[in-house]
Amino acid sequence: MTLKDHGRGYDVVVFGATGYTGKLTAEHITTHLPTNLKWAVAGRSQGKLEKVVEEIKALNPDRLQPSIEICNLDSNSLAELAKKTCILITTVGPYARYGEHAFKACAENGTHYLDVTGEVPYVHKMIKKYEAAAKMTGAIMIPEIGVESAPSDLMAWSLVKTNRIEFGAKTKETVISLHKLVSVPSGGTLDTVLSILDEFTLQEIKESFTPFTLSPVPHPGPVSNEGLFTKIFGLRVVPNLGQLTTSVTASTDTAIVGRSWGLMKSIPSRQKQAYGPKFVVHEYLKTRNVLTGLYIHFSLAIATLLLFLLPSLRTFIRRFIYQPGEGPTKEEAAKDEVEFRGVAWPDIEEGGKETKGAGKQAYGRAIFFGSMYYLTGTLLAQAALTILEDDLELEGGVYTPACLGQPFIDRLAPSGFRIETKVIDEK
């Protein structure tokens, strides 16, 4: 396909290309995106950027190589950088500490924006502060399009699509299971987890993680159908998924899925993809048995409480983890793998074909073998290509990975991230 003519010097700029995730993003662009792509790597260190360019050139010397842009973490520098490019990819986190200047610059200058934050309070704050500006300038802003929270968001969208096609039905509940995860977090990820508690109050955190808070339209409710037992003990048995427990990624991922629900309902070009008025979503972790599930649930609860109450503990932990910009070696990361599974119940009462959909559900799997950070780089690069090549029928605003739809999912498959769905009996 042909890249859009946008009238700017660059198609894509990777800001933070010398960091752990930023470099992997640049590598994927080098090896997978069109060779005539006009792009640049950006950061504060000329020397480090030159080293990145030298290393990635060896991966594909026959393509158009990236330019280098020196840019500081301030509003003026990032505004100038944003004006030069159609899309700005930023991997500079923690975003609550360093991300606002880039978000603001893109929203105000009509530059499409992609990031890999998992900081829902930050996303909530950016929506409130800058979505109006993005709508005025036409900037398509998509935060959380890395491992957090694209796989879950795309899985939920795919399950809803299956119910719509197979049963002519909306969806009343989607449950996603982080079925398997083998990975070592980078320094940036660990620093982000600790920094959320430094940058936001307990009230801000609680408000942003409330189901469907990020949605542009209110949910008619109820927003959850979890029973009291699950709320207390974290355990739930779900047909075709098995014994589940609390997942550390659940609140982050479901916040984005909740925004997708609202966007599909309110955007004219997406209303045929609406999830349904009764839609709720939950995410859990697959566990071997009840005892293991209880241990995981209460360990997470106690650890979160201690980290919030004891700032000195956060400082102590930082001494023993990868530092920002560091992470596992390529050999270590190559052993990573992730698998999501999910089910979605059709809402027969909302216009479904009752005789066909009764006792059935949509079932899906999403799998990837290899570095989770390379998967994040893949998601960023292929999202940028989707924006550059496709007519998305989106005006300016803050969107989610699901808004890129099936073309985005199809672009990910050749790189190893695949989502498959089918209809099965509810056991």
Protein backbone atom coordinates (compact mmCIF):
# COMPACT_ATOMS: atom_id res chain seq x y z
CA MET A 1 0.00 0.00 0.00
CA THR A 2 1.00 3.64 -0.50
CA LEU A 3 1.93 5.88 2.42
CA LYS A 4 -0.30 8.92 2.85
CA ASP A 5 0.92 12.32 1.71
CA HIS A 6 0.86 14.35 4.94
CA GLY A 7 3.21 17.19 4.02
CA ARG A 8 5.67 16.72 6.88
CA GLY A 9 9.35 15.90 6.83
CA TYR A 10 9.01 12.53 8.55
CA ASP A 11 6.43 9.78 8.50
CA VAL A 12 7.50 8.53 11.93
CA VAL A 13 9.84 9.65 14.70
CA VAL A 14 10.83 7.30 17.53
CA PHE A 15 11.46 9.43 20.61
CA GLY A 16 13.50 7.53 23.19
CA ALA A 17 15.22 5.31 20.63
CA THR A 18 18.26 4.77 22.85
CA GLY A 19 16.14 3.15 25.56
CA TYR A 20 15.35 -0.53 25.89
CA THR A 21 11.93 -0.51 24.17
CA GLY A 22 12.73 2.37 21.83
CA LYS A 23 15.66 0.55 20.29
CA LEU A 24 13.57 -2.58 19.69
CA THR A 25 10.94 -0.41 18.03
CA ALA A 26 13.57 1.05 15.72
CA GLU A 27 14.77 -2.47 14.90
CA HIS A 28 11.27 -3.56 13.87
CA ILE A 29 10.82 -0.48 11.70
CA THR A 30 14.15 -1.24 10.04
CA THR A 31 13.30 -4.84 9.24
CA HIS A 32 9.54 -4.72 8.60
CA LEU A 33 8.24 -1.31 7.50
CA PRO A 34 8.44 0.03 3.92
CA THR A 35 11.98 0.81 2.84
CA ASN A 36 10.96 4.27 1.61
CA LEU A 37 9.61 5.29 5.02
CA LYS A 38 10.91 8.72 6.03
CA TRP A 39 11.77 8.43 9.70
CA ALA A 40 14.03 9.57 12.49
CA VAL A 41 15.25 8.52 15.90
CA ALA A 42 15.17 11.17 18.61
CA GLY A 43 16.62 11.67 22.06
CA ARG A 44 18.99 13.75 24.09
CA SER A 45 22.34 12.10 23.27
CA GLN A 46 23.86 12.49 19.80
CA GLY A 47 26.41 9.80 20.53
CA LYS A 48 23.92 7.22 21.73
CA LEU A 49 21.60 7.90 18.79
CA GLU A 50 24.47 7.50 16.33
CA LYS A 51 25.25 4.13 17.90
CA VAL A 52 21.61 3.02 17.50
CA VAL A 53 21.59 4.08 13.83
CA GLU A 54 24.84 2.22 13.20
CA GLU A 55 23.52 -0.98 14.81
CA ILE A 56 20.15 -1.02 13.04
CA LYS A 57 21.70 -0.19 9.67
CA ALA A 58 23.42 -3.57 9.80
CA LEU A 59 19.98 -5.23 9.98
CA ASN A 60 18.84 -3.78 6.65
CA PRO A 61 21.49 -1.62 4.92
CA ASP A 62 19.49 -1.24 1.68
CA ARG A 63 16.62 0.76 3.16
CA LEU A 64 16.23 4.47 3.86
CA GLN A 65 18.04 4.93 7.17
CA PRO A 66 16.73 7.16 9.98
CA SER A 67 17.80 10.73 10.56
CA ILE A 68 18.83 11.87 14.02
CA GLU A 69 16.90 14.51 15.94
CA ILE A 70 18.22 15.92 19.22
CA CYS A 71 15.33 16.69 21.54
CA ASN A 72 15.10 17.51 25.23
CA LEU A 73 12.27 16.71 27.63
CA ASP A 74 10.59 20.10 27.51
CA SER A 75 7.56 21.60 25.80
CA ASN A 76 9.43 23.76 23.28
CA SER A 77 11.75 21.00 22.05
CA LEU A 78 8.97 18.46 21.73
CA ALA A 79 6.64 20.93 20.02
CA GLU A 80 9.32 21.55 17.38
CA LEU A 81 9.84 17.82 16.95
CA ALA A 82 6.09 17.14 16.71
CA LYS A 83 5.73 19.67 13.89
CA LYS A 84 8.28 17.75 11.80
CA THR A 85 6.50 14.39 11.77
CA CYS A 86 3.17 12.78 10.97
CA ILE A 87 3.49 10.29 13.86
CA LEU A 88 5.46 10.51 17.09
CA ILE A 89 6.21 7.26 18.91
CA THR A 90 7.40 7.91 22.43
CA THR A 91 8.91 5.24 24.66
CA VAL A 92 10.18 7.67 27.30
CA GLY A 93 8.73 6.80 30.68
CA PRO A 94 7.61 6.76 33.38
CA TYR A 95 5.02 8.80 31.52
CA ALA A 96 3.56 10.43 34.60
CA ARG A 97 7.00 11.95 35.17
CA TYR A 98 8.23 12.53 31.61
CA GLY A 99 5.36 12.02 29.18
CA GLU A 100 3.11 15.06 29.33
CA HIS A 101 5.27 17.35 27.17
CA ALA A 102 5.12 14.90 24.24
CA PHE A 103 1.40 14.28 24.65
CA LYS A 104 0.68 18.01 24.77
CA ALA A 105 2.94 18.75 21.79
CA CYS A 106 1.20 16.19 19.59
CA ALA A 107 -2.33 17.16 20.63
CA GLU A 108 -1.70 20.83 19.95
CA ASN A 109 0.17 20.36 16.65
CA GLY A 110 -1.99 17.74 14.93
CA THR A 111 0.65 15.02 15.24
CA HIS A 112 -0.52 11.43 15.67
CA TYR A 113 0.79 9.91 18.89
CA LEU A 114 1.61 6.40 20.16
CA ASP A 115 2.99 5.36 23.54
CA VAL A 116 3.41 2.24 25.68
CA THR A 117 2.44 3.48 29.10
CA GLY A 118 0.56 1.27 31.52
CA GLU A 119 -0.16 4.21 33.81
CA VAL A 120 -3.94 4.51 33.73
CA PRO A 121 -4.00 7.56 36.05
CA TYR A 122 -1.70 9.30 33.56
CA VAL A 123 -3.95 8.40 30.62
CA HIS A 124 -6.99 9.64 32.55
CA LYS A 125 -5.23 12.93 33.22
CA MET A 126 -4.11 13.37 29.59
CA ILE A 127 -7.62 12.74 28.26
CA LYS A 128 -9.06 15.42 30.50
CA LYS A 129 -6.33 17.94 29.70
CA TYR A 130 -5.66 17.45 25.98
CA GLU A 131 -8.39 15.55 24.16
CA ALA A 132 -10.20 18.76 23.27
CA ALA A 133 -7.01 20.07 21.63
CA ALA A 134 -6.50 16.80 19.73
CA LYS A 135 -10.05 16.99 18.38
CA MET A 136 -9.39 20.51 17.10
CA THR A 137 -6.08 19.66 15.38
CA GLY A 138 -6.99 16.17 14.12
CA ALA A 139 -4.33 14.34 16.14
CA ILE A 140 -5.03 10.63 16.64
CA MET A 141 -3.67 9.82 20.11
CA ILE A 142 -3.32 6.17 21.16
CA PRO A 143 -1.71 5.55 24.55
CA GLU A 144 -1.18 2.05 25.98
CA ILE A 145 -0.56 0.36 22.64
CA GLY A 146 2.22 -1.91 23.87
CA VAL A 147 1.93 -5.19 25.77
CA GLU A 148 -0.15 -3.06 28.10
CA SER A 149 -2.86 -2.99 26.89
CA ALA A 150 -3.12 -3.86 23.19
CA PRO A 151 -3.37 -7.68 23.44
CA SER A 152 -6.34 -7.59 25.83
CA ASP A 153 -8.03 -4.76 23.98
CA LEU A 154 -7.66 -6.48 20.60
CA MET A 155 -8.80 -9.79 22.10
CA ALA A 156 -11.97 -8.21 23.51
CA TRP A 157 -12.70 -6.50 20.17
CA SER A 158 -12.22 -9.79 18.30
CA LEU A 159 -14.53 -11.72 20.64
CA VAL A 160 -17.24 -9.08 20.30
CA LYS A 161 -16.83 -9.24 16.52
CA THR A 162 -17.30 -13.02 16.60
CA ASN A 163 -20.56 -12.72 18.54
CA ARG A 164 -21.78 -10.05 16.13
CA ILE A 165 -21.00 -12.09 13.02
CA GLU A 166 -21.96 -15.56 14.25
CA PHE A 167 -25.04 -14.72 16.30
CA GLY A 168 -26.06 -11.24 15.18
CA ALA A 169 -25.72 -10.39 18.87
CA LYS A 170 -24.13 -7.81 21.13
CA THR A 171 -21.91 -9.05 23.95
CA LYS A 172 -22.93 -9.08 27.59
CA GLU A 173 -19.67 -10.22 29.21
CA THR A 174 -16.08 -10.82 28.17
CA VAL A 175 -13.56 -12.59 30.37
CA ILE A 176 -9.89 -12.55 29.43
CA SER A 177 -7.34 -14.85 31.02
CA LEU A 178 -3.61 -14.19 31.06
CA HIS A 179 -3.10 -17.88 30.49
CA LYS A 180 0.70 -17.92 30.35
CA LEU A 181 3.44 -15.35 30.76
CA VAL A 182 7.17 -16.02 30.74
CA SER A 183 9.08 -12.73 30.86
CA VAL A 184 11.47 -10.60 32.88
CA PRO A 185 10.44 -6.93 33.22
CA SER A 186 12.78 -4.19 32.06
CA GLY A 187 14.00 -1.40 34.29
CA GLY A 188 11.54 1.02 32.71
CA THR A 189 8.59 -1.22 33.51
CA LEU A 190 9.62 -1.71 37.10
CA ASP A 191 10.30 1.99 37.57
CA THR A 192 6.87 2.80 36.14
CA VAL A 193 5.11 0.49 38.61
CA LEU A 194 6.86 2.16 41.53
CA SER A 195 6.43 5.67 40.14
CA ILE A 196 2.62 5.50 39.92
CA LEU A 197 2.54 5.51 43.70
CA ASP A 198 4.92 8.50 43.78
CA GLU A 199 3.06 10.62 41.23
CA PHE A 200 -0.63 10.10 42.06
CA THR A 201 -2.77 10.18 45.15
CA LEU A 202 -4.77 7.16 46.27
CA GLN A 203 -7.96 8.98 45.24
CA GLU A 204 -6.62 9.65 41.73
CA ILE A 205 -5.57 6.03 41.35
CA LYS A 206 -8.91 4.73 42.61
CA GLU A 207 -10.92 7.04 40.35
CA SER A 208 -8.99 6.23 37.19
CA PHE A 209 -9.23 2.46 37.72
CA THR A 210 -12.98 2.49 38.35
CA PRO A 211 -14.54 0.44 35.50
CA PHE A 212 -15.43 2.51 32.42
CA THR A 213 -14.03 5.74 33.89
CA LEU A 214 -12.00 6.28 30.71
CA SER A 215 -15.08 5.83 28.51
CA PRO A 216 -16.23 8.97 26.68
CA VAL A 217 -19.85 8.05 27.48
CA PRO A 218 -21.29 6.75 30.77
CA HIS A 219 -22.00 3.07 31.17
CA PRO A 220 -25.65 2.39 32.11
CA GLY A 221 -24.48 -0.18 34.66
CA PRO A 222 -23.88 -2.44 36.38
CA VAL A 223 -20.20 -2.22 35.42
CA SER A 224 -19.23 -5.56 36.97
CA ASN A 225 -20.89 -8.89 37.66
CA GLU A 226 -18.24 -10.29 39.97
CA GLY A 227 -19.63 -12.03 43.01
CA LEU A 228 -18.65 -11.20 46.58
CA PHE A 229 -16.53 -14.37 46.80
CA THR A 230 -14.39 -13.28 43.83
CA LYS A 231 -14.03 -9.75 45.18
CA ILE A 232 -12.74 -11.06 48.51
CA PHE A 233 -10.66 -14.08 47.46
CA GLY A 234 -9.84 -13.28 43.83
CA LEU A 235 -10.94 -16.73 42.64
CA ARG A 236 -13.29 -17.47 39.76
CA VAL A 237 -13.97 -20.54 37.64
CA VAL A 238 -14.97 -19.63 34.08
CA PRO A 239 -16.25 -22.13 31.51
CA ASN A 240 -13.54 -23.02 28.96
CA LEU A 241 -10.93 -20.99 30.87
CA GLY A 242 -10.75 -22.90 34.15
CA GLN A 243 -9.57 -21.74 37.56
CA LEU A 244 -8.60 -18.07 37.56
CA THR A 245 -7.27 -15.61 40.09
CA THR A 246 -6.28 -11.94 40.35
CA SER A 247 -4.00 -10.63 37.61
CA VAL A 248 -1.61 -7.73 38.14
CA THR A 249 -2.46 -6.48 34.64
CA ALA A 250 -6.25 -6.64 35.03
CA SER A 251 -7.12 -3.12 36.09
CA THR A 252 -4.80 -1.57 33.50
CA ASP A 253 -6.08 -3.64 30.59
CA THR A 254 -9.78 -3.46 31.43
CA ALA A 255 -9.57 0.32 31.75
CA ILE A 256 -8.60 0.50 28.07
CA VAL A 257 -11.22 -2.07 27.05
CA GLY A 258 -13.76 0.07 28.87
CA ARG A 259 -12.73 3.09 26.83
CA SER A 260 -13.00 1.02 23.65
CA TRP A 261 -16.58 0.14 24.63
CA GLY A 262 -17.44 3.85 24.87
CA LEU A 263 -15.63 4.79 21.66
CA MET A 264 -17.36 2.06 19.65
CA LYS A 265 -20.67 3.31 20.96
CA SER A 266 -20.07 7.00 20.30
CA ILE A 267 -17.91 7.28 17.13
CA PRO A 268 -20.15 7.33 14.03
CA SER A 269 -17.73 5.24 11.96
CA ARG A 270 -17.55 2.56 14.67
CA GLN A 271 -21.15 2.28 15.87
CA LYS A 272 -21.76 -0.90 13.85
CA GLN A 273 -19.03 -2.44 16.01
CA ALA A 274 -20.67 -1.43 19.31
CA TYR A 275 -20.13 -3.95 22.09
CA GLY A 276 -23.59 -3.64 23.63
CA PRO A 277 -25.29 -1.77 26.50
CA LYS A 278 -24.79 -4.60 29.04
CA PHE A 279 -21.14 -5.23 28.19
CA VAL A 280 -18.78 -5.84 31.11
CA VAL A 281 -15.20 -7.08 31.03
CA HIS A 282 -12.95 -8.84 33.53
CA GLU A 283 -9.38 -10.05 33.31
CA TYR A 284 -7.75 -12.71 35.46
CA LEU A 285 -4.65 -14.88 35.69
CA LYS A 286 -4.78 -18.63 35.01
CA THR A 287 -3.75 -20.53 38.12
CA ARG A 288 -3.00 -24.18 38.81
CA ASN A 289 -5.36 -24.56 41.75
CA VAL A 290 -7.29 -22.79 44.46
CA LEU A 291 -4.40 -22.56 46.93
CA THR A 292 -2.05 -21.03 44.37
CA GLY A 293 -4.79 -18.61 43.37
CA LEU A 294 -5.33 -17.51 46.96
CA TYR A 295 -1.59 -17.03 47.45
CA ILE A 296 -1.29 -14.87 44.33
CA HIS A 297 -4.35 -12.77 45.19
CA PHE A 298 -3.36 -11.95 48.75
CA SER A 299 0.33 -11.52 47.91
CA LEU A 300 -0.57 -8.86 45.35
CA ALA A 301 -2.91 -7.14 47.78
CA ILE A 302 -0.32 -7.04 50.58
CA ALA A 303 2.52 -5.96 48.29
CA THR A 304 0.46 -3.12 46.82
CA LEU A 305 -0.53 -1.91 50.28
CA LEU A 306 3.06 -1.96 51.56
CA LEU A 307 4.42 -0.17 48.50
CA PHE A 308 1.81 2.55 48.87
CA LEU A 309 2.25 3.03 52.63
CA LEU A 310 6.07 2.82 52.68
CA PRO A 311 7.86 5.14 50.22
CA SER A 312 11.16 3.97 51.73
CA LEU A 313 10.38 0.46 50.52
CA ARG A 314 10.01 1.74 46.95
CA THR A 315 13.39 3.47 47.25
CA PHE A 316 14.98 0.30 48.61
CA ILE A 317 13.58 -1.89 45.81
CA ARG A 318 14.93 0.46 43.13
CA ARG A 319 18.48 -0.43 44.20
CA PHE A 320 18.10 -4.07 43.18
CA ILE A 321 16.23 -3.94 39.86
CA TYR A 322 17.17 -3.10 36.27
CA GLN A 323 17.53 0.64 35.88
CA PRO A 324 15.49 2.56 33.27
CA GLY A 325 16.91 1.84 29.82
CA GLU A 326 18.17 -1.59 30.92
CA GLY A 327 16.55 -5.00 30.59
CA PRO A 328 17.13 -8.68 29.92
CA THR A 329 19.60 -9.66 27.20
CA LYS A 330 18.31 -10.65 23.77
CA GLU A 331 19.18 -14.26 24.55
CA GLU A 332 17.14 -14.14 27.77
CA ALA A 333 14.24 -12.27 26.15
CA ALA A 334 14.08 -14.75 23.25
CA LYS A 335 12.70 -17.30 25.73
CA ASP A 336 9.69 -15.09 26.54
CA GLU A 337 6.18 -16.13 25.64
CA VAL A 338 2.67 -14.94 26.34
CA GLU A 339 -0.76 -16.43 25.79
CA PHE A 340 -4.12 -14.83 26.40
CA ARG A 341 -7.40 -16.73 26.26
CA GLY A 342 -10.84 -15.23 26.36
CA VAL A 343 -14.53 -15.98 26.19
CA ALA A 344 -17.50 -13.74 25.47
CA TRP A 345 -21.16 -14.46 26.02
CA PRO A 346 -23.61 -13.20 23.35
CA ASP A 347 -26.43 -11.04 24.66
CA ILE A 348 -29.35 -12.94 23.14
CA GLU A 349 -31.87 -10.46 24.55
CA GLU A 350 -30.23 -7.66 22.52
CA GLY A 351 -31.28 -8.94 19.12
CA GLY A 352 -29.31 -12.19 18.90
CA LYS A 353 -30.46 -15.33 17.17
CA GLU A 354 -31.63 -17.23 20.23
CA THR A 355 -31.82 -20.71 18.74
CA LYS A 356 -28.29 -20.38 17.36
CA GLY A 357 -26.60 -18.52 20.22
CA ALA A 358 -28.09 -20.18 23.30
CA GLY A 359 -25.49 -22.20 25.20
CA LYS A 360 -22.69 -20.88 22.97
CA GLN A 361 -19.88 -18.39 23.44
CA ALA A 362 -17.07 -16.84 21.48
CA TYR A 363 -13.65 -18.21 22.39
CA GLY A 364 -10.27 -16.74 21.50
CA ARG A 365 -6.52 -17.22 21.86
CA ALA A 366 -3.74 -14.69 21.38
CA ILE A 367 -0.15 -15.95 21.37
CA PHE A 368 3.36 -14.62 20.91
CA PHE A 369 6.76 -16.29 21.33
CA GLY A 370 9.71 -13.99 21.90
CA SER A 371 10.61 -10.82 23.77
CA MET A 372 7.64 -8.97 25.24
CA TYR A 373 9.48 -5.74 24.53
CA TYR A 374 10.00 -6.68 20.92
CA LEU A 375 6.26 -7.37 20.79
CA THR A 376 5.72 -3.86 22.13
CA GLY A 377 8.00 -2.47 19.42
CA THR A 378 6.05 -4.47 16.85
CA LEU A 379 2.75 -3.11 18.10
CA LEU A 380 4.05 0.47 17.92
CA ALA A 381 5.54 0.14 14.45
CA GLN A 382 2.57 -1.68 12.92
CA ALA A 383 0.13 0.78 14.49
CA ALA A 384 2.09 3.60 12.88
CA LEU A 385 1.93 1.83 9.52
CA THR A 386 -1.82 1.33 9.90
CA ILE A 387 -2.27 5.07 10.47
CA LEU A 388 0.01 5.90 7.54
CA GLU A 389 -1.64 3.56 5.03
CA ASP A 390 -5.31 3.10 5.95
CA ASP A 391 -8.38 5.33 5.88
CA LEU A 392 -9.31 4.95 9.54
CA GLU A 393 -12.34 7.25 9.45
CA LEU A 394 -11.20 8.77 12.73
CA GLU A 395 -11.12 12.43 13.58
CA GLY A 396 -8.79 13.82 16.21
CA GLY A 397 -9.05 12.46 19.76
CA VAL A 398 -7.73 9.91 22.24
CA TYR A 399 -8.34 6.37 20.98
CA THR A 400 -7.47 2.77 21.83
CA PRO A 401 -5.72 -0.08 19.97
CA ALA A 402 -9.11 -1.62 19.12
CA CYS A 403 -10.01 1.47 17.08
CA LEU A 404 -7.41 0.37 14.51
CA GLY A 405 -9.48 -2.78 13.97
CA GLN A 406 -8.83 -5.83 11.83
CA PRO A 407 -6.22 -4.23 9.53
CA PHE A 408 -3.99 -3.68 12.57
CA ILE A 409 -4.50 -7.27 13.77
CA ASP A 410 -3.71 -8.60 10.31
CA ARG A 411 -0.46 -6.61 10.15
CA LEU A 412 0.70 -8.16 13.44
CA ALA A 413 0.31 -11.79 12.36
CA PRO A 414 3.42 -12.03 10.14
CA SER A 415 5.50 -10.89 13.12
CA GLY A 416 4.16 -13.68 15.30
CA PHE A 417 1.30 -12.12 17.26
CA ARG A 418 -1.88 -13.92 16.30
CA ILE A 419 -5.46 -13.78 17.52
CA GLU A 420 -7.79 -16.65 16.63
CA THR A 421 -11.46 -16.84 17.58
CA LYS A 422 -14.20 -19.41 17.14
CA VAL A 423 -17.59 -20.42 18.54
CA ILE A 424 -17.71 -23.15 21.18
CA ASP A 425 -20.25 -24.64 23.58
CA GLU A 426 -20.41 -23.14 27.06
CA LYS A 427 -19.29 -25.98 29.29
